[in-house]
Amino acid sequence: MAKNLQEEQAAIDVEIVNKTIACTPDNWKDFTLQLEYLSADDPDALGSVKSSIINKSGDFETPSDELFEEIQKLNKLFYRYGVAWIGAKYHIYLTEADKWKYEANFQY
């Protein structure tokens, strides 16, 4: 059975969240990965998506190369499906049960 955009994106989203968690200090329990799509000219160009990781206090961390690779997979997936997006926010937080959860919101 052929996969659709949502099914393919779900696996990439999980990797983006895991790589984002790996970029943050252990004491960060609630933070946001913000993505801004800068260019539709070349989906392979690493500079086509601006990213930042910010916690509620306004502190920030630099995304790792591994996180950039996952973001580019997302970028290429959307490009392949012809979906134009301009931004995304992944709100990532640790629950009281010590489980990581996330909510992803995209701007089109």
N, C-alpha and C. Protein backbone atom coordinates (compact mmCIF):
# COMPACT_ATOMS: atom_id res chain seq x y z
N MET A 1 0.85 -1.18 0.00
CA MET A 1 0.00 0.00 0.00
C MET A 1 0.89 1.25 0.00
N ALA A 2 0.55 2.19 -0.82
CA ALA A 2 1.32 3.43 -0.93
C ALA A 2 1.09 4.30 0.30
N LYS A 3 2.15 4.94 0.74
CA LYS A 3 2.04 5.87 1.86
C LYS A 3 1.59 7.23 1.36
N ASN A 4 1.04 8.02 2.27
CA ASN A 4 0.67 9.38 1.91
C ASN A 4 1.57 10.36 2.68
N LEU A 5 1.38 11.63 2.43
CA LEU A 5 2.21 12.66 3.05
C LEU A 5 2.20 12.55 4.56
N GLN A 6 1.03 12.41 5.16
CA GLN A 6 0.94 12.37 6.62
C GLN A 6 1.67 11.18 7.21
N GLU A 7 1.57 10.03 6.57
CA GLU A 7 2.27 8.84 7.07
C GLU A 7 3.79 9.01 6.97
N GLU A 8 4.25 9.54 5.86
CA GLU A 8 5.68 9.74 5.70
C GLU A 8 6.19 10.84 6.64
N GLN A 9 5.38 11.88 6.83
CA GLN A 9 5.79 12.98 7.70
C GLN A 9 5.87 12.55 9.15
N ALA A 10 4.98 11.66 9.58
CA ALA A 10 4.95 11.24 10.98
C ALA A 10 6.30 10.67 11.43
N ALA A 11 6.90 9.83 10.60
CA ALA A 11 8.20 9.24 10.95
C ALA A 11 9.29 10.30 11.02
N ILE A 12 9.25 11.25 10.11
CA ILE A 12 10.24 12.34 10.10
C ILE A 12 10.02 13.24 11.31
N ASP A 13 8.77 13.54 11.64
CA ASP A 13 8.47 14.36 12.82
C ASP A 13 9.08 13.75 14.08
N VAL A 14 8.93 12.44 14.26
CA VAL A 14 9.49 11.77 15.44
C VAL A 14 11.00 11.94 15.49
N GLU A 15 11.66 11.79 14.36
CA GLU A 15 13.12 11.97 14.33
C GLU A 15 13.51 13.42 14.60
N ILE A 16 12.74 14.36 14.06
CA ILE A 16 13.01 15.78 14.34
C ILE A 16 12.90 16.05 15.84
N VAL A 17 11.87 15.53 16.46
CA VAL A 17 11.68 15.72 17.91
C VAL A 17 12.83 15.08 18.68
N ASN A 18 13.19 13.85 18.35
CA ASN A 18 14.28 13.17 19.05
C ASN A 18 15.61 13.91 18.90
N LYS A 19 15.89 14.38 17.70
CA LYS A 19 17.15 15.12 17.47
C LYS A 19 17.12 16.48 18.17
N THR A 20 15.94 17.10 18.28
CA THR A 20 15.83 18.38 18.98
C THR A 20 16.08 18.16 20.47
N ILE A 21 15.49 17.14 21.05
CA ILE A 21 15.72 16.82 22.47
C ILE A 21 17.20 16.61 22.72
N ALA A 22 17.89 15.93 21.81
CA ALA A 22 19.32 15.66 21.96
C ALA A 22 20.15 16.94 21.94
N CYS A 23 19.63 18.01 21.35
CA CYS A 23 20.36 19.29 21.26
C CYS A 23 20.21 20.15 22.52
N THR A 24 19.29 19.80 23.39
CA THR A 24 18.97 20.67 24.52
C THR A 24 19.60 20.18 25.82
N PRO A 25 19.84 21.10 26.75
CA PRO A 25 20.35 20.70 28.06
C PRO A 25 19.35 19.80 28.79
N ASP A 26 19.85 18.95 29.68
CA ASP A 26 18.99 18.01 30.41
C ASP A 26 17.92 18.71 31.24
N ASN A 27 18.17 19.94 31.67
CA ASN A 27 17.19 20.62 32.52
C ASN A 27 16.07 21.30 31.72
N TRP A 28 16.15 21.29 30.41
CA TRP A 28 15.07 21.83 29.59
C TRP A 28 13.95 20.79 29.51
N LYS A 29 12.78 21.19 29.93
CA LYS A 29 11.63 20.27 29.93
C LYS A 29 10.49 20.76 29.05
N ASP A 30 10.62 21.98 28.50
CA ASP A 30 9.55 22.57 27.69
C ASP A 30 10.20 23.58 26.75
N PHE A 31 10.17 23.30 25.45
CA PHE A 31 10.84 24.17 24.49
C PHE A 31 10.21 24.04 23.12
N THR A 32 10.63 24.90 22.21
CA THR A 32 10.06 24.94 20.87
C THR A 32 11.16 24.96 19.82
N LEU A 33 10.99 24.14 18.81
CA LEU A 33 11.81 24.20 17.60
C LEU A 33 11.02 25.03 16.61
N GLN A 34 11.61 26.14 16.17
CA GLN A 34 10.94 27.00 15.20
C GLN A 34 11.65 26.88 13.85
N LEU A 35 10.87 26.67 12.81
CA LEU A 35 11.40 26.55 11.46
C LEU A 35 10.79 27.62 10.58
N GLU A 36 11.62 28.22 9.76
CA GLU A 36 11.14 29.21 8.80
C GLU A 36 11.69 28.82 7.43
N TYR A 37 10.79 28.59 6.50
CA TYR A 37 11.19 28.20 5.15
C TYR A 37 11.61 29.46 4.40
N LEU A 38 12.84 29.48 3.91
CA LEU A 38 13.39 30.68 3.30
C LEU A 38 13.38 30.67 1.78
N SER A 39 13.46 29.47 1.17
CA SER A 39 13.61 29.42 -0.27
C SER A 39 13.01 28.16 -0.84
N ALA A 40 12.31 28.28 -1.95
CA ALA A 40 11.74 27.12 -2.62
C ALA A 40 12.54 26.75 -3.87
N ASP A 41 13.65 27.41 -4.09
CA ASP A 41 14.43 27.18 -5.30
C ASP A 41 15.07 25.79 -5.35
N ASP A 42 15.63 25.35 -4.24
CA ASP A 42 16.36 24.09 -4.22
C ASP A 42 16.10 23.39 -2.88
N PRO A 43 15.29 22.33 -2.87
CA PRO A 43 14.99 21.65 -1.61
C PRO A 43 16.20 20.96 -0.99
N ASP A 44 17.28 20.79 -1.75
CA ASP A 44 18.49 20.17 -1.22
C ASP A 44 19.41 21.16 -0.50
N ALA A 45 19.16 22.45 -0.67
CA ALA A 45 20.03 23.46 -0.07
C ALA A 45 19.78 23.55 1.44
N LEU A 46 20.83 23.39 2.22
CA LEU A 46 20.68 23.43 3.67
C LEU A 46 20.23 24.80 4.16
N GLY A 47 20.52 25.85 3.43
CA GLY A 47 20.14 27.19 3.85
C GLY A 47 18.69 27.53 3.58
N SER A 48 17.92 26.59 3.05
CA SER A 48 16.55 26.90 2.69
C SER A 48 15.60 26.92 3.88
N VAL A 49 16.04 26.43 5.04
CA VAL A 49 15.21 26.45 6.25
C VAL A 49 16.03 27.01 7.41
N LYS A 50 15.52 28.06 8.03
CA LYS A 50 16.14 28.65 9.22
C LYS A 50 15.53 27.97 10.43
N SER A 51 16.36 27.58 11.40
CA SER A 51 15.83 26.88 12.57
C SER A 51 16.42 27.42 13.86
N SER A 52 15.63 27.34 14.93
CA SER A 52 16.11 27.73 16.26
C SER A 52 15.36 26.93 17.31
N ILE A 53 16.04 26.68 18.42
CA ILE A 53 15.45 25.96 19.55
C ILE A 53 15.43 26.93 20.73
N ILE A 54 14.24 27.18 21.27
CA ILE A 54 14.08 28.19 22.31
C ILE A 54 13.26 27.62 23.46
N ASN A 55 13.70 27.90 24.71
CA ASN A 55 12.87 27.47 25.84
C ASN A 55 12.02 28.64 26.31
N LYS A 56 11.18 28.40 27.30
CA LYS A 56 10.25 29.42 27.76
C LYS A 56 10.94 30.63 28.38
N SER A 57 12.18 30.48 28.85
CA SER A 57 12.93 31.59 29.42
C SER A 57 13.61 32.45 28.36
N GLY A 58 13.52 32.02 27.10
CA GLY A 58 14.16 32.76 26.02
C GLY A 58 15.57 32.30 25.72
N ASP A 59 16.04 31.27 26.43
CA ASP A 59 17.35 30.70 26.14
C ASP A 59 17.25 29.90 24.84
N PHE A 60 18.36 29.82 24.12
CA PHE A 60 18.30 29.09 22.86
C PHE A 60 19.49 28.15 22.72
N GLU A 61 19.32 27.16 21.88
CA GLU A 61 20.36 26.20 21.54
C GLU A 61 20.47 26.11 20.02
N THR A 62 21.64 25.77 19.56
CA THR A 62 21.89 25.63 18.13
C THR A 62 21.55 24.21 17.68
N PRO A 63 20.78 24.07 16.62
CA PRO A 63 20.48 22.73 16.10
C PRO A 63 21.75 22.02 15.63
N SER A 64 21.78 20.71 15.82
CA SER A 64 22.91 19.90 15.40
C SER A 64 22.83 19.60 13.90
N ASP A 65 23.92 19.09 13.36
CA ASP A 65 23.93 18.67 11.95
C ASP A 65 22.91 17.56 11.73
N GLU A 66 22.76 16.66 12.71
CA GLU A 66 21.79 15.57 12.59
C GLU A 66 20.36 16.11 12.52
N LEU A 67 20.08 17.15 13.30
CA LEU A 67 18.75 17.76 13.25
C LEU A 67 18.53 18.43 11.89
N PHE A 68 19.55 19.12 11.39
CA PHE A 68 19.43 19.74 10.06
C PHE A 68 19.11 18.70 8.99
N GLU A 69 19.73 17.52 9.10
CA GLU A 69 19.47 16.46 8.13
C GLU A 69 18.00 16.03 8.16
N GLU A 70 17.43 15.92 9.36
CA GLU A 70 16.02 15.54 9.47
C GLU A 70 15.11 16.64 8.93
N ILE A 71 15.47 17.89 9.20
CA ILE A 71 14.69 19.02 8.68
C ILE A 71 14.71 19.00 7.16
N GLN A 72 15.86 18.69 6.59
CA GLN A 72 15.95 18.62 5.13
C GLN A 72 15.12 17.46 4.57
N LYS A 73 15.02 16.35 5.31
CA LYS A 73 14.15 15.26 4.87
C LYS A 73 12.71 15.74 4.82
N LEU A 74 12.31 16.51 5.83
CA LEU A 74 10.96 17.08 5.84
C LEU A 74 10.76 18.02 4.67
N ASN A 75 11.75 18.87 4.44
CA ASN A 75 11.70 19.83 3.34
C ASN A 75 11.54 19.11 2.00
N LYS A 76 12.32 18.07 1.79
CA LYS A 76 12.26 17.32 0.54
C LYS A 76 10.93 16.59 0.39
N LEU A 77 10.40 16.07 1.50
CA LEU A 77 9.11 15.39 1.46
C LEU A 77 8.01 16.34 1.02
N PHE A 78 7.95 17.52 1.64
CA PHE A 78 6.94 18.49 1.26
C PHE A 78 7.11 18.90 -0.20
N TYR A 79 8.35 19.10 -0.62
CA TYR A 79 8.63 19.49 -2.00
C TYR A 79 8.12 18.42 -2.96
N ARG A 80 8.36 17.14 -2.61
CA ARG A 80 7.93 16.03 -3.47
C ARG A 80 6.41 15.98 -3.61
N TYR A 81 5.70 16.32 -2.55
CA TYR A 81 4.23 16.32 -2.58
C TYR A 81 3.65 17.65 -3.08
N GLY A 82 4.52 18.61 -3.38
CA GLY A 82 4.05 19.89 -3.89
C GLY A 82 3.38 20.76 -2.84
N VAL A 83 3.74 20.56 -1.58
CA VAL A 83 3.15 21.33 -0.48
C VAL A 83 4.07 22.50 -0.16
N ALA A 84 3.54 23.70 -0.25
CA ALA A 84 4.30 24.91 0.07
C ALA A 84 4.05 25.30 1.52
N TRP A 85 5.10 25.37 2.32
CA TRP A 85 4.97 25.78 3.71
C TRP A 85 5.92 26.92 3.98
N ILE A 86 5.58 27.76 4.95
CA ILE A 86 6.44 28.92 5.25
C ILE A 86 7.00 28.88 6.65
N GLY A 87 6.45 28.03 7.51
CA GLY A 87 6.97 27.95 8.86
C GLY A 87 6.36 26.79 9.62
N ALA A 88 7.05 26.42 10.71
CA ALA A 88 6.56 25.35 11.57
C ALA A 88 7.09 25.57 12.98
N LYS A 89 6.31 25.10 13.94
CA LYS A 89 6.74 25.11 15.34
C LYS A 89 6.46 23.73 15.92
N TYR A 90 7.50 23.16 16.52
CA TYR A 90 7.36 21.91 17.25
C TYR A 90 7.48 22.25 18.73
N HIS A 91 6.37 22.22 19.45
CA HIS A 91 6.39 22.43 20.89
C HIS A 91 6.65 21.07 21.52
N ILE A 92 7.76 20.96 22.25
CA ILE A 92 8.21 19.69 22.82
C ILE A 92 8.26 19.85 24.33
N TYR A 93 7.67 18.91 25.05
CA TYR A 93 7.62 19.05 26.50
C TYR A 93 7.60 17.68 27.18
N LEU A 94 8.07 17.67 28.43
CA LEU A 94 8.10 16.46 29.24
C LEU A 94 6.87 16.46 30.13
N THR A 95 6.11 15.37 30.10
CA THR A 95 4.89 15.29 30.92
C THR A 95 5.25 14.93 32.36
N GLU A 96 4.25 15.01 33.23
CA GLU A 96 4.46 14.63 34.63
C GLU A 96 4.82 13.16 34.76
N ALA A 97 4.46 12.35 33.76
CA ALA A 97 4.79 10.92 33.74
C ALA A 97 6.16 10.67 33.11
N ASP A 98 6.96 11.75 32.93
CA ASP A 98 8.30 11.66 32.33
C ASP A 98 8.29 11.07 30.92
N LYS A 99 7.30 11.46 30.13
CA LYS A 99 7.25 11.06 28.73
C LYS A 99 7.29 12.32 27.87
N TRP A 100 8.09 12.28 26.81
CA TRP A 100 8.16 13.41 25.90
C TRP A 100 6.95 13.42 24.99
N LYS A 101 6.37 14.57 24.81
CA LYS A 101 5.23 14.78 23.91
C LYS A 101 5.58 15.96 23.01
N TYR A 102 4.88 16.05 21.89
CA TYR A 102 5.09 17.21 21.02
C TYR A 102 3.82 17.54 20.27
N GLU A 103 3.75 18.79 19.87
CA GLU A 103 2.69 19.29 19.01
C GLU A 103 3.37 20.04 17.88
N ALA A 104 3.00 19.74 16.66
CA ALA A 104 3.58 20.42 15.51
C ALA A 104 2.52 21.24 14.81
N ASN A 105 2.83 22.49 14.55
CA ASN A 105 1.93 23.38 13.84
C ASN A 105 2.66 23.98 12.66
N PHE A 106 2.07 23.85 11.48
CA PHE A 106 2.68 24.37 10.26
C PHE A 106 1.89 25.55 9.73
N GLN A 107 2.61 26.49 9.12
CA GLN A 107 1.99 27.61 8.43
C GLN A 107 2.18 27.35 6.94
N TYR A 108 1.09 27.52 6.19
CA TYR A 108 1.14 27.28 4.74
C TYR A 108 0.84 28.56 4.00
